[in-house]
Amino acid sequence: MSSSSTCSRPCPRRSRRTRSAIDQVLQAEDIALVESVQRGLKSRGYDQGRFIVDADRTDMSEHAVHHFHALVVEAMARWREEA
């Protein structure tokens, strides 16, 4: 099958282009975001823990992530007890 025809699985040429885009664009964006968050965490104005969980569960709240992590911790504790 030639590279110009439709592939039944991901084509190597497309994969290289995709990886290149990830390396050049997304990875750079992620690095900038993480660095920005780290600066914010060190500021005096930040007074939260690892998650933003507000009582009103607004769209700014990360209660779902916090809940998921709590479930994982509980499951791991049960697994350790059974082992």
Protein backbone atom coordinates (compact mmCIF):
# COMPACT_ATOMS: atom_id res chain seq x y z
CA MET A 1 0.00 0.00 0.00
CA SER A 2 1.50 3.36 -0.96
CA SER A 3 1.73 6.28 1.45
CA SER A 4 -0.79 8.24 -0.66
CA SER A 5 -3.54 5.64 -0.25
CA THR A 6 -5.77 5.32 2.78
CA CYS A 7 -4.15 3.29 5.58
CA SER A 8 -6.09 0.74 7.58
CA ARG A 9 -4.02 1.82 10.60
CA PRO A 10 -2.18 5.05 11.43
CA CYS A 11 0.22 5.93 8.62
CA PRO A 12 3.85 6.46 9.67
CA ARG A 13 4.03 9.82 7.85
CA ARG A 14 0.99 11.12 9.74
CA SER A 15 2.39 9.84 13.00
CA ARG A 16 5.66 11.73 12.46
CA ARG A 17 3.73 14.91 11.66
CA THR A 18 1.56 14.45 14.72
CA ARG A 19 4.56 13.87 16.96
CA SER A 20 6.27 16.92 15.51
CA ALA A 21 3.21 19.08 16.20
CA ILE A 22 3.04 17.79 19.76
CA ASP A 23 6.72 18.50 20.32
CA GLN A 24 6.63 21.96 18.77
CA VAL A 25 3.27 23.28 19.96
CA LEU A 26 1.59 21.33 22.73
CA GLN A 27 4.67 20.49 24.74
CA ALA A 28 5.80 24.13 24.72
CA GLU A 29 2.31 25.23 25.84
CA ASP A 30 2.31 22.64 28.62
CA ILE A 31 5.71 23.77 29.87
CA ALA A 32 4.58 27.40 29.96
CA LEU A 33 1.36 26.48 31.79
CA VAL A 34 3.14 24.35 34.39
CA GLU A 35 5.72 27.06 35.02
CA SER A 36 2.93 29.62 35.44
CA VAL A 37 1.06 27.40 37.90
CA GLN A 38 4.22 26.82 39.91
CA ARG A 39 4.79 30.58 40.17
CA GLY A 40 1.19 31.01 41.32
CA LEU A 41 1.50 28.30 43.96
CA LYS A 42 4.47 30.12 45.46
CA SER A 43 2.67 33.46 45.64
CA ARG A 44 1.35 34.84 48.93
CA GLY A 45 -2.13 35.13 47.45
CA TYR A 46 -2.56 31.37 47.08
CA ASP A 47 -4.18 29.75 50.11
CA GLN A 48 -5.64 26.50 48.78
CA GLY A 49 -4.36 22.96 48.88
CA ARG A 50 -3.73 20.78 45.87
CA PHE A 51 -7.34 21.13 44.68
CA ILE A 52 -9.80 23.98 44.48
CA VAL A 53 -12.91 22.60 46.17
CA ASP A 54 -15.53 25.16 47.04
CA ALA A 55 -18.75 24.49 48.93
CA ASP A 56 -20.89 25.69 46.01
CA ARG A 57 -19.14 23.33 43.58
CA THR A 58 -18.83 25.99 40.92
CA ASP A 59 -17.18 25.35 37.58
CA MET A 60 -13.93 26.52 39.17
CA SER A 61 -14.09 23.67 41.68
CA GLU A 62 -12.14 20.46 41.19
CA HIS A 63 -14.42 18.41 43.44
CA ALA A 64 -14.73 15.62 40.86
CA VAL A 65 -10.95 15.21 40.64
CA HIS A 66 -10.69 15.30 44.43
CA HIS A 67 -13.44 12.68 44.76
CA PHE A 68 -11.79 10.42 42.16
CA HIS A 69 -8.44 10.59 43.95
CA ALA A 70 -10.16 9.75 47.25
CA LEU A 71 -11.74 6.69 45.61
CA VAL A 72 -8.33 5.57 44.32
CA VAL A 73 -6.79 5.96 47.78
CA GLU A 74 -9.63 3.89 49.32
CA ALA A 75 -9.27 1.17 46.68
CA MET A 76 -5.52 0.99 47.21
CA ALA A 77 -5.98 0.74 50.98
CA ARG A 78 -8.44 -2.15 50.54
CA TRP A 79 -6.05 -3.86 48.12
CA ARG A 80 -3.18 -3.54 50.59
CA GLU A 81 -5.32 -5.00 53.38
CA GLU A 82 -6.25 -7.98 51.21
CA ALA A 83 -2.66 -8.64 50.09
